[in-house]
Each structure stands twice: as structure tokens, then as C-alpha cells.
């Protein structure tokens, strides 16, 4: 059963890194710790927060605020074209 759970979820800091919103996972974890990230409208303070398909992530970084719907979790930090398939911008 743990395999199914692992396949259907991902840590928030890893997802932010895979989606290329932060250059390193450490920077993503620091942003979450500072309160610059919301998951489904709720503030997050733990980088290990679980992300699932369909979640909404709001990120305040690099001088702007972005709201994203999670389409896929991703298995690695790939090129920008691959990272763009992990989410959909919410206007």
C-alpha cells in the first residue's frame, strides 16, 4: 500500500522544484517555511506537506504571486517544457 501512496503524492518542496518554480529544493523549502506558499488556500509552513493531483498551490516568489493547479506530480526536475506540463496557471 505504501507504493500506491508514494505514487499518488509528492512532498511540496519536491513538487515546487520539479515544476521549476525554485532553482533548488532547499530554496523551495525555505519559501514554504517563510509562509510564501499556500496549498488549497491554506498557509503551509512544512516543506513535507503532501501534494496530490488536482491541488491548488499559490506561490509568492520572484516578485509575483502565481496560482497553479497541479496536473501531474512529476518524477524529476526536467527541462522547462516538461515542467510546464505539471501545472495549469489559474487566472
PDB file of N, CA and C in Angstrom:
ATOM      1  N   UNK A   1       0.820  -1.194   0.000  1.00  0.00           N
ATOM      2  CA  UNK A   1       0.000   0.000   0.000  1.00  0.00           C
ATOM      3  C   UNK A   1       0.862   1.256   0.000  1.00  0.00           C
ATOM      4  N   UNK A   2       2.038   1.224   0.621  1.00  0.00           N
ATOM      5  CA  UNK A   2       2.889   2.407   0.654  1.00  0.00           C
ATOM      6  C   UNK A   2       3.348   2.800  -0.747  1.00  0.00           C
ATOM      7  N   UNK A   3       3.480   1.825  -1.653  1.00  0.00           N
ATOM      8  CA  UNK A   3       3.857   2.140  -3.027  1.00  0.00           C
ATOM      9  C   UNK A   3       2.782   2.987  -3.693  1.00  0.00           C
ATOM     10  N   UNK A   4       1.516   2.639  -3.475  1.00  0.00           N
ATOM     11  CA  UNK A   4       0.420   3.403  -4.044  1.00  0.00           C
ATOM     12  C   UNK A   4       0.413   4.818  -3.483  1.00  0.00           C
ATOM     13  N   UNK A   5       0.617   4.961  -2.186  1.00  0.00           N
ATOM     14  CA  UNK A   5       0.643   6.283  -1.563  1.00  0.00           C
ATOM     15  C   UNK A   5       1.787   7.109  -2.133  1.00  0.00           C
ATOM     16  N   UNK A   6       2.963   6.522  -2.263  1.00  0.00           N
ATOM     17  CA  UNK A   6       4.115   7.242  -2.787  1.00  0.00           C
ATOM     18  C   UNK A   6       3.903   7.670  -4.233  1.00  0.00           C
ATOM     19  N   UNK A   7       3.207   6.852  -5.026  1.00  0.00           N
ATOM     20  CA  UNK A   7       2.989   7.161  -6.432  1.00  0.00           C
ATOM     21  C   UNK A   7       1.955   8.267  -6.603  1.00  0.00           C
ATOM     22  N   UNK A   8       1.053   8.429  -5.646  1.00  0.00           N
ATOM     23  CA  UNK A   8      -0.041   9.382  -5.778  1.00  0.00           C
ATOM     24  C   UNK A   8       0.216  10.706  -5.054  1.00  0.00           C
ATOM     25  N   UNK A   9       1.336  10.810  -4.361  1.00  0.00           N
ATOM     26  CA  UNK A   9       1.643  12.031  -3.618  1.00  0.00           C
ATOM     27  C   UNK A   9       3.109  12.410  -3.805  1.00  0.00           C
ATOM     28  N   UNK A  10       3.408  13.656  -3.448  1.00  0.00           N
ATOM     29  CA  UNK A  10       4.776  14.153  -3.507  1.00  0.00           C
ATOM     30  C   UNK A  10       4.912  15.267  -2.484  1.00  0.00           C
ATOM     31  N   UNK A  11       6.086  15.391  -1.899  1.00  0.00           N
ATOM     32  CA  UNK A  11       6.340  16.497  -0.962  1.00  0.00           C
ATOM     33  C   UNK A  11       6.221  17.830  -1.699  1.00  0.00           C
ATOM     34  N   UNK A  12       5.720  18.837  -1.006  1.00  0.00           N
ATOM     35  CA  UNK A  12       5.535  20.157  -1.594  1.00  0.00           C
ATOM     36  C   UNK A  12       6.843  20.743  -2.111  1.00  0.00           C
ATOM     37  N   UNK A  13       7.913  20.654  -1.321  1.00  0.00           N
ATOM     38  CA  UNK A  13       9.182  21.237  -1.772  1.00  0.00           C
ATOM     39  C   UNK A  13       9.712  20.537  -3.022  1.00  0.00           C
ATOM     40  N   UNK A  14       9.516  19.229  -3.126  1.00  0.00           N
ATOM     41  CA  UNK A  14       9.943  18.493  -4.323  1.00  0.00           C
ATOM     42  C   UNK A  14       9.125  18.916  -5.532  1.00  0.00           C
ATOM     43  N   UNK A  15       7.795  19.070  -5.355  1.00  0.00           N
ATOM     44  CA  UNK A  15       6.956  19.473  -6.482  1.00  0.00           C
ATOM     45  C   UNK A  15       7.337  20.862  -6.979  1.00  0.00           C
ATOM     46  N   UNK A  16       7.551  21.781  -6.054  1.00  0.00           N
ATOM     47  CA  UNK A  16       7.948  23.141  -6.448  1.00  0.00           C
ATOM     48  C   UNK A  16       9.260  23.127  -7.230  1.00  0.00           C
ATOM     49  N   UNK A  17      10.175  22.267  -6.841  1.00  0.00           N
ATOM     50  CA  UNK A  17      11.450  22.126  -7.537  1.00  0.00           C
ATOM     51  C   UNK A  17      11.246  21.475  -8.905  1.00  0.00           C
ATOM     52  N   UNK A  18      10.459  20.395  -8.970  1.00  0.00           N
ATOM     53  CA  UNK A  18      10.181  19.731 -10.244  1.00  0.00           C
ATOM     54  C   UNK A  18       9.506  20.676 -11.231  1.00  0.00           C
ATOM     55  N   UNK A  19       8.620  21.533 -10.728  1.00  0.00           N
ATOM     56  CA  UNK A  19       7.889  22.479 -11.578  1.00  0.00           C
ATOM     57  C   UNK A  19       8.741  23.695 -11.953  1.00  0.00           C
ATOM     58  N   UNK A  20       9.986  23.706 -11.489  1.00  0.00           N
ATOM     59  CA  UNK A  20      10.953  24.756 -11.792  1.00  0.00           C
ATOM     60  C   UNK A  20      10.519  26.136 -11.284  1.00  0.00           C
ATOM     61  N   UNK A  21       9.790  26.153 -10.175  1.00  0.00           N
ATOM     62  CA  UNK A  21       9.424  27.416  -9.551  1.00  0.00           C
ATOM     63  C   UNK A  21      10.553  27.929  -8.669  1.00  0.00           C
ATOM     64  N   UNK A  22      11.431  27.011  -8.251  1.00  0.00           N
ATOM     65  CA  UNK A  22      12.617  27.350  -7.474  1.00  0.00           C
ATOM     66  C   UNK A  22      13.800  26.575  -8.030  1.00  0.00           C
ATOM     67  N   UNK A  23      14.951  27.198  -8.019  1.00  0.00           N
ATOM     68  CA  UNK A  23      16.146  26.598  -8.611  1.00  0.00           C
ATOM     69  C   UNK A  23      16.614  25.361  -7.854  1.00  0.00           C
ATOM     70  N   UNK A  24      16.441  25.372  -6.539  1.00  0.00           N
ATOM     71  CA  UNK A  24      16.840  24.217  -5.728  1.00  0.00           C
ATOM     72  C   UNK A  24      15.697  23.830  -4.794  1.00  0.00           C
ATOM     73  N   UNK A  25      15.759  22.601  -4.328  1.00  0.00           N
ATOM     74  CA  UNK A  25      14.766  22.135  -3.373  1.00  0.00           C
ATOM     75  C   UNK A  25      14.917  22.881  -2.050  1.00  0.00           C
ATOM     76  N   UNK A  26      16.128  23.227  -1.693  1.00  0.00           N
ATOM     77  CA  UNK A  26      16.374  23.983  -0.461  1.00  0.00           C
ATOM     78  C   UNK A  26      15.688  25.342  -0.519  1.00  0.00           C
ATOM     79  N   UNK A  27      15.785  26.032  -1.653  1.00  0.00           N
ATOM     80  CA  UNK A  27      15.110  27.325  -1.808  1.00  0.00           C
ATOM     81  C   UNK A  27      13.593  27.164  -1.723  1.00  0.00           C
ATOM     82  N   UNK A  28      13.080  26.081  -2.299  1.00  0.00           N
ATOM     83  CA  UNK A  28      11.639  25.810  -2.218  1.00  0.00           C
ATOM     84  C   UNK A  28      11.224  25.588  -0.760  1.00  0.00           C
ATOM     85  N   UNK A  29      12.005  24.806  -0.026  1.00  0.00           N
ATOM     86  CA  UNK A  29      11.702  24.534   1.383  1.00  0.00           C
ATOM     87  C   UNK A  29      11.747  25.819   2.209  1.00  0.00           C
ATOM     88  N   UNK A  30      12.707  26.683   1.927  1.00  0.00           N
ATOM     89  CA  UNK A  30      12.809  27.962   2.650  1.00  0.00           C
ATOM     90  C   UNK A  30      11.601  28.847   2.366  1.00  0.00           C
ATOM     91  N   UNK A  31      11.136  28.874   1.118  1.00  0.00           N
ATOM     92  CA  UNK A  31       9.958  29.678   0.763  1.00  0.00           C
ATOM     93  C   UNK A  31       8.726  29.162   1.498  1.00  0.00           C
ATOM     94  N   UNK A  32       8.578  27.851   1.577  1.00  0.00           N
ATOM     95  CA  UNK A  32       7.453  27.268   2.309  1.00  0.00           C
ATOM     96  C   UNK A  32       7.559  27.641   3.783  1.00  0.00           C
ATOM     97  N   UNK A  33       8.745  27.531   4.353  1.00  0.00           N
ATOM     98  CA  UNK A  33       8.963  27.863   5.767  1.00  0.00           C
ATOM     99  C   UNK A  33       8.684  29.316   6.104  1.00  0.00           C
ATOM    100  N   UNK A  34       8.906  30.204   5.145  1.00  0.00           N
ATOM    101  CA  UNK A  34       8.637  31.641   5.347  1.00  0.00           C
ATOM    102  C   UNK A  34       7.161  31.989   5.183  1.00  0.00           C
ATOM    103  N   UNK A  35       6.372  31.030   4.726  1.00  0.00           N
ATOM    104  CA  UNK A  35       4.939  31.302   4.546  1.00  0.00           C
ATOM    105  C   UNK A  35       4.594  31.836   3.169  1.00  0.00           C
ATOM    106  N   UNK A  36       5.461  31.659   2.197  1.00  0.00           N
ATOM    107  CA  UNK A  36       5.216  32.163   0.843  1.00  0.00           C
ATOM    108  C   UNK A  36       4.454  31.208  -0.045  1.00  0.00           C
ATOM    109  N   UNK A  37       3.930  30.121   0.531  1.00  0.00           N
ATOM    110  CA  UNK A  37       3.224  29.121  -0.268  1.00  0.00           C
ATOM    111  C   UNK A  37       1.933  28.728   0.445  1.00  0.00           C
ATOM    112  N   UNK A  38       0.864  28.619  -0.340  1.00  0.00           N
ATOM    113  CA  UNK A  38      -0.423  28.135   0.177  1.00  0.00           C
ATOM    114  C   UNK A  38      -0.807  26.891  -0.604  1.00  0.00           C
ATOM    115  N   UNK A  39      -1.377  25.926   0.086  1.00  0.00           N
ATOM    116  CA  UNK A  39      -1.853  24.701  -0.536  1.00  0.00           C
ATOM    117  C   UNK A  39      -3.351  24.622  -0.314  1.00  0.00           C
ATOM    118  N   UNK A  40      -4.103  24.631  -1.402  1.00  0.00           N
ATOM    119  CA  UNK A  40      -5.572  24.624  -1.342  1.00  0.00           C
ATOM    120  C   UNK A  40      -6.108  25.746  -0.457  1.00  0.00           C
ATOM    121  N   UNK A  41      -5.481  26.921  -0.570  1.00  0.00           N
ATOM    122  CA  UNK A  41      -5.928  28.106   0.149  1.00  0.00           C
ATOM    123  C   UNK A  41      -5.443  28.231   1.576  1.00  0.00           C
ATOM    124  N   UNK A  42      -4.749  27.222   2.076  1.00  0.00           N
ATOM    125  CA  UNK A  42      -4.276  27.256   3.466  1.00  0.00           C
ATOM    126  C   UNK A  42      -2.771  27.475   3.502  1.00  0.00           C
ATOM    127  N   UNK A  43      -2.300  28.358   4.398  1.00  0.00           N
ATOM    128  CA  UNK A  43      -0.857  28.590   4.505  1.00  0.00           C
ATOM    129  C   UNK A  43      -0.115  27.313   4.877  1.00  0.00           C
ATOM    130  N   UNK A  44       1.047  27.135   4.287  1.00  0.00           N
ATOM    131  CA  UNK A  44       1.894  25.976   4.585  1.00  0.00           C
ATOM    132  C   UNK A  44       3.156  26.463   5.272  1.00  0.00           C
ATOM    133  N   UNK A  45       3.619  25.707   6.242  1.00  0.00           N
ATOM    134  CA  UNK A  45       4.893  26.030   6.881  1.00  0.00           C
ATOM    135  C   UNK A  45       5.842  24.846   6.859  1.00  0.00           C
ATOM    136  N   UNK A  46       5.360  23.697   6.375  1.00  0.00           N
ATOM    137  CA  UNK A  46       6.181  22.486   6.345  1.00  0.00           C
ATOM    138  C   UNK A  46       6.456  22.069   4.906  1.00  0.00           C
ATOM    139  N   UNK A  47       7.725  21.977   4.531  1.00  0.00           N
ATOM    140  CA  UNK A  47       8.071  21.552   3.174  1.00  0.00           C
ATOM    141  C   UNK A  47       7.618  20.131   2.859  1.00  0.00           C
ATOM    142  N   UNK A  48       7.385  19.317   3.872  1.00  0.00           N
ATOM    143  CA  UNK A  48       6.967  17.931   3.664  1.00  0.00           C
ATOM    144  C   UNK A  48       5.458  17.793   3.460  1.00  0.00           C
ATOM    145  N   UNK A  49       4.745  18.907   3.387  1.00  0.00           N
ATOM    146  CA  UNK A  49       3.298  18.858   3.132  1.00  0.00           C
ATOM    147  C   UNK A  49       3.054  18.056   1.854  1.00  0.00           C
ATOM    148  N   UNK A  50       2.026  17.242   1.830  1.00  0.00           N
ATOM    149  CA  UNK A  50       1.751  16.342   0.705  1.00  0.00           C
ATOM    150  C   UNK A  50       0.949  17.057  -0.385  1.00  0.00           C
ATOM    151  N   UNK A  51       1.404  16.886  -1.633  1.00  0.00           N
ATOM    152  CA  UNK A  51       0.724  17.434  -2.810  1.00  0.00           C
ATOM    153  C   UNK A  51       0.121  16.270  -3.585  1.00  0.00           C
ATOM    154  N   UNK A  52      -1.104  16.487  -4.069  1.00  0.00           N
ATOM    155  CA  UNK A  52      -1.806  15.477  -4.868  1.00  0.00           C
ATOM    156  C   UNK A  52      -2.311  16.116  -6.162  1.00  0.00           C
ATOM    157  N   UNK A  53      -2.606  15.282  -7.130  1.00  0.00           N
ATOM    158  CA  UNK A  53      -3.196  15.749  -8.387  1.00  0.00           C
ATOM    159  C   UNK A  53      -4.472  16.527  -8.081  1.00  0.00           C
ATOM    160  N   UNK A  54      -4.636  17.679  -8.705  1.00  0.00           N
ATOM    161  CA  UNK A  54      -5.836  18.490  -8.500  1.00  0.00           C
ATOM    162  C   UNK A  54      -5.706  19.554  -7.433  1.00  0.00           C
ATOM    163  N   UNK A  55      -4.651  19.506  -6.615  1.00  0.00           N
ATOM    164  CA  UNK A  55      -4.437  20.535  -5.593  1.00  0.00           C
ATOM    165  C   UNK A  55      -4.168  21.889  -6.240  1.00  0.00           C
ATOM    166  N   UNK A  56      -4.432  22.944  -5.484  1.00  0.00           N
ATOM    167  CA  UNK A  56      -4.119  24.304  -5.918  1.00  0.00           C
ATOM    168  C   UNK A  56      -2.985  24.834  -5.053  1.00  0.00           C
ATOM    169  N   UNK A  57      -1.949  25.334  -5.703  1.00  0.00           N
ATOM    170  CA  UNK A  57      -0.790  25.875  -4.992  1.00  0.00           C
ATOM    171  C   UNK A  57      -0.641  27.344  -5.372  1.00  0.00           C
ATOM    172  N   UNK A  58      -0.549  28.203  -4.368  1.00  0.00           N
ATOM    173  CA  UNK A  58      -0.313  29.624  -4.582  1.00  0.00           C
ATOM    174  C   UNK A  58       1.079  29.936  -4.066  1.00  0.00           C
ATOM    175  N   UNK A  59       1.898  30.514  -4.938  1.00  0.00           N
ATOM    176  CA  UNK A  59       3.303  30.760  -4.616  1.00  0.00           C
ATOM    177  C   UNK A  59       3.610  32.245  -4.776  1.00  0.00           C
ATOM    178  N   UNK A  60       4.182  32.848  -3.727  1.00  0.00           N
ATOM    179  CA  UNK A  60       4.675  34.219  -3.794  1.00  0.00           C
ATOM    180  C   UNK A  60       6.192  34.130  -3.870  1.00  0.00           C
ATOM    181  N   UNK A  61       6.736  34.397  -5.066  1.00  0.00           N
ATOM    182  CA  UNK A  61       8.183  34.295  -5.256  1.00  0.00           C
ATOM    183  C   UNK A  61       8.593  35.123  -6.470  1.00  0.00           C
ATOM    184  N   UNK A  62       9.806  35.578  -6.436  1.00  0.00           N
ATOM    185  CA  UNK A  62      10.393  36.309  -7.562  1.00  0.00           C
ATOM    186  C   UNK A  62       9.564  37.539  -7.952  1.00  0.00           C
ATOM    187  N   UNK A  63       8.991  38.200  -6.944  1.00  0.00           N
ATOM    188  CA  UNK A  63       8.264  39.442  -7.176  1.00  0.00           C
ATOM    189  C   UNK A  63       6.870  39.289  -7.748  1.00  0.00           C
ATOM    190  N   UNK A  64       6.324  38.078  -7.721  1.00  0.00           N
ATOM    191  CA  UNK A  64       4.961  37.897  -8.218  1.00  0.00           C
ATOM    192  C   UNK A  64       4.268  36.768  -7.465  1.00  0.00           C
ATOM    193  N   UNK A  65       2.957  36.734  -7.601  1.00  0.00           N
ATOM    194  CA  UNK A  65       2.153  35.681  -6.980  1.00  0.00           C
ATOM    195  C   UNK A  65       1.513  34.864  -8.102  1.00  0.00           C
ATOM    196  N   UNK A  66       1.667  33.545  -8.015  1.00  0.00           N
ATOM    197  CA  UNK A  66       1.111  32.656  -9.029  1.00  0.00           C
ATOM    198  C   UNK A  66       0.219  31.619  -8.363  1.00  0.00           C
ATOM    199  N   UNK A  67      -0.938  31.366  -8.966  1.00  0.00           N
ATOM    200  CA  UNK A  67      -1.830  30.297  -8.516  1.00  0.00           C
ATOM    201  C   UNK A  67      -1.799  29.209  -9.573  1.00  0.00           C
ATOM    202  N   UNK A  68      -1.544  27.972  -9.129  1.00  0.00           N
ATOM    203  CA  UNK A  68      -1.345  26.860 -10.048  1.00  0.00           C
ATOM    204  C   UNK A  68      -2.198  25.668  -9.637  1.00  0.00           C
ATOM    205  N   UNK A  69      -2.781  25.015 -10.619  1.00  0.00           N
ATOM    206  CA  UNK A  69      -3.495  23.760 -10.375  1.00  0.00           C
ATOM    207  C   UNK A  69      -2.548  22.630 -10.751  1.00  0.00           C
ATOM    208  N   UNK A  70      -2.368  21.676  -9.844  1.00  0.00           N
ATOM    209  CA  UNK A  70      -1.463  20.549 -10.067  1.00  0.00           C
ATOM    210  C   UNK A  70      -2.122  19.570 -11.039  1.00  0.00           C
ATOM    211  N   UNK A  71      -1.480  19.361 -12.194  1.00  0.00           N
ATOM    212  CA  UNK A  71      -1.968  18.411 -13.188  1.00  0.00           C
ATOM    213  C   UNK A  71      -1.251  17.074 -13.075  1.00  0.00           C
ATOM    214  N   UNK A  72       0.039  17.134 -12.763  1.00  0.00           N
ATOM    215  CA  UNK A  72       0.851  15.934 -12.589  1.00  0.00           C
ATOM    216  C   UNK A  72       1.869  16.202 -11.489  1.00  0.00           C
ATOM    217  N   UNK A  73       2.395  15.131 -10.915  1.00  0.00           N
ATOM    218  CA  UNK A  73       3.375  15.286  -9.841  1.00  0.00           C
ATOM    219  C   UNK A  73       4.800  15.355 -10.376  1.00  0.00           C
ATOM    220  N   UNK A  74       5.093  14.655 -11.420  1.00  0.00           N
ATOM    221  CA  UNK A  74       6.451  14.657 -11.964  1.00  0.00           C
ATOM    222  C   UNK A  74       7.355  13.710 -11.205  1.00  0.00           C
ATOM    223  N   UNK A  75       8.326  13.166 -11.913  1.00  0.00           N
ATOM    224  CA  UNK A  75       9.264  12.235 -11.304  1.00  0.00           C
ATOM    225  C   UNK A  75      10.657  12.817 -11.166  1.00  0.00           C
ATOM    226  N   UNK A  76      10.890  13.946 -11.826  1.00  0.00           N
ATOM    227  CA  UNK A  76      12.225  14.550 -11.795  1.00  0.00           C
ATOM    228  C   UNK A  76      12.118  16.022 -12.167  1.00  0.00           C
ATOM    229  N   UNK A  77      13.205  16.724 -12.005  1.00  0.00           N
ATOM    230  CA  UNK A  77      13.284  18.111 -12.464  1.00  0.00           C
ATOM    231  C   UNK A  77      13.813  18.056 -13.892  1.00  0.00           C
ATOM    232  N   UNK A  78      12.929  18.155 -14.824  1.00  0.00           N
ATOM    233  CA  UNK A  78      13.296  18.079 -16.231  1.00  0.00           C
ATOM    234  C   UNK A  78      13.412  19.457 -16.849  1.00  0.00           C
ATOM    235  N   UNK A  79      13.446  19.512 -18.170  1.00  0.00           N
ATOM    236  CA  UNK A  79      13.513  20.799 -18.864  1.00  0.00           C
ATOM    237  C   UNK A  79      12.236  21.610 -18.640  1.00  0.00           C
ATOM    238  N   UNK A  80      12.307  22.899 -18.935  1.00  0.00           N
ATOM    239  CA  UNK A  80      11.170  23.793 -18.707  1.00  0.00           C
ATOM    240  C   UNK A  80       9.915  23.315 -19.436  1.00  0.00           C
ATOM    241  N   UNK A  81      10.082  22.771 -20.630  1.00  0.00           N
ATOM    242  CA  UNK A  81       8.916  22.290 -21.383  1.00  0.00           C
ATOM    243  C   UNK A  81       8.219  21.144 -20.645  1.00  0.00           C
ATOM    244  N   UNK A  82       8.973  20.293 -20.002  1.00  0.00           N
ATOM    245  CA  UNK A  82       8.402  19.192 -19.212  1.00  0.00           C
ATOM    246  C   UNK A  82       7.772  19.732 -17.932  1.00  0.00           C
ATOM    247  N   UNK A  83       8.430  20.672 -17.288  1.00  0.00           N
ATOM    248  CA  UNK A  83       7.916  21.253 -16.035  1.00  0.00           C
ATOM    249  C   UNK A  83       6.585  21.951 -16.265  1.00  0.00           C
ATOM    250  N   UNK A  84       6.412  22.588 -17.413  1.00  0.00           N
ATOM    251  CA  UNK A  84       5.175  23.312 -17.709  1.00  0.00           C
ATOM    252  C   UNK A  84       3.971  22.382 -17.806  1.00  0.00           C
ATOM    253  N   UNK A  85       4.179  21.085 -18.008  1.00  0.00           N
ATOM    254  CA  UNK A  85       3.068  20.141 -18.087  1.00  0.00           C
ATOM    255  C   UNK A  85       2.584  19.709 -16.705  1.00  0.00           C
ATOM    256  N   UNK A  86       3.286  20.091 -15.653  1.00  0.00           N
ATOM    257  CA  UNK A  86       2.929  19.682 -14.303  1.00  0.00           C
ATOM    258  C   UNK A  86       1.809  20.527 -13.705  1.00  0.00           C
ATOM    259  N   UNK A  87       1.543  21.693 -14.296  1.00  0.00           N
ATOM    260  CA  UNK A  87       0.558  22.588 -13.719  1.00  0.00           C
ATOM    261  C   UNK A  87      -0.155  23.417 -14.774  1.00  0.00           C
ATOM    262  N   UNK A  88      -1.241  24.050 -14.324  1.00  0.00           N
ATOM    263  CA  UNK A  88      -2.007  24.957 -15.158  1.00  0.00           C
ATOM    264  C   UNK A  88      -2.143  26.264 -14.366  1.00  0.00           C
ATOM    265  N   UNK A  89      -1.846  27.378 -14.997  1.00  0.00           N
ATOM    266  CA  UNK A  89      -1.988  28.681 -14.345  1.00  0.00           C
ATOM    267  C   UNK A  89      -3.459  28.984 -14.114  1.00  0.00           C
ATOM    268  N   UNK A  90      -3.798  29.470 -12.944  1.00  0.00           N
ATOM    269  CA  UNK A  90      -5.160  29.897 -12.621  1.00  0.00           C
ATOM    270  C   UNK A  90      -5.157  31.414 -12.627  1.00  0.00           C
ATOM    271  N   UNK A  91      -6.035  31.976 -13.407  1.00  0.00           N
ATOM    272  CA  UNK A  91      -6.099  33.443 -13.532  1.00  0.00           C
ATOM    273  C   UNK A  91      -6.732  34.077 -12.310  1.00  0.00           C
TER     274      UNK A  91
END
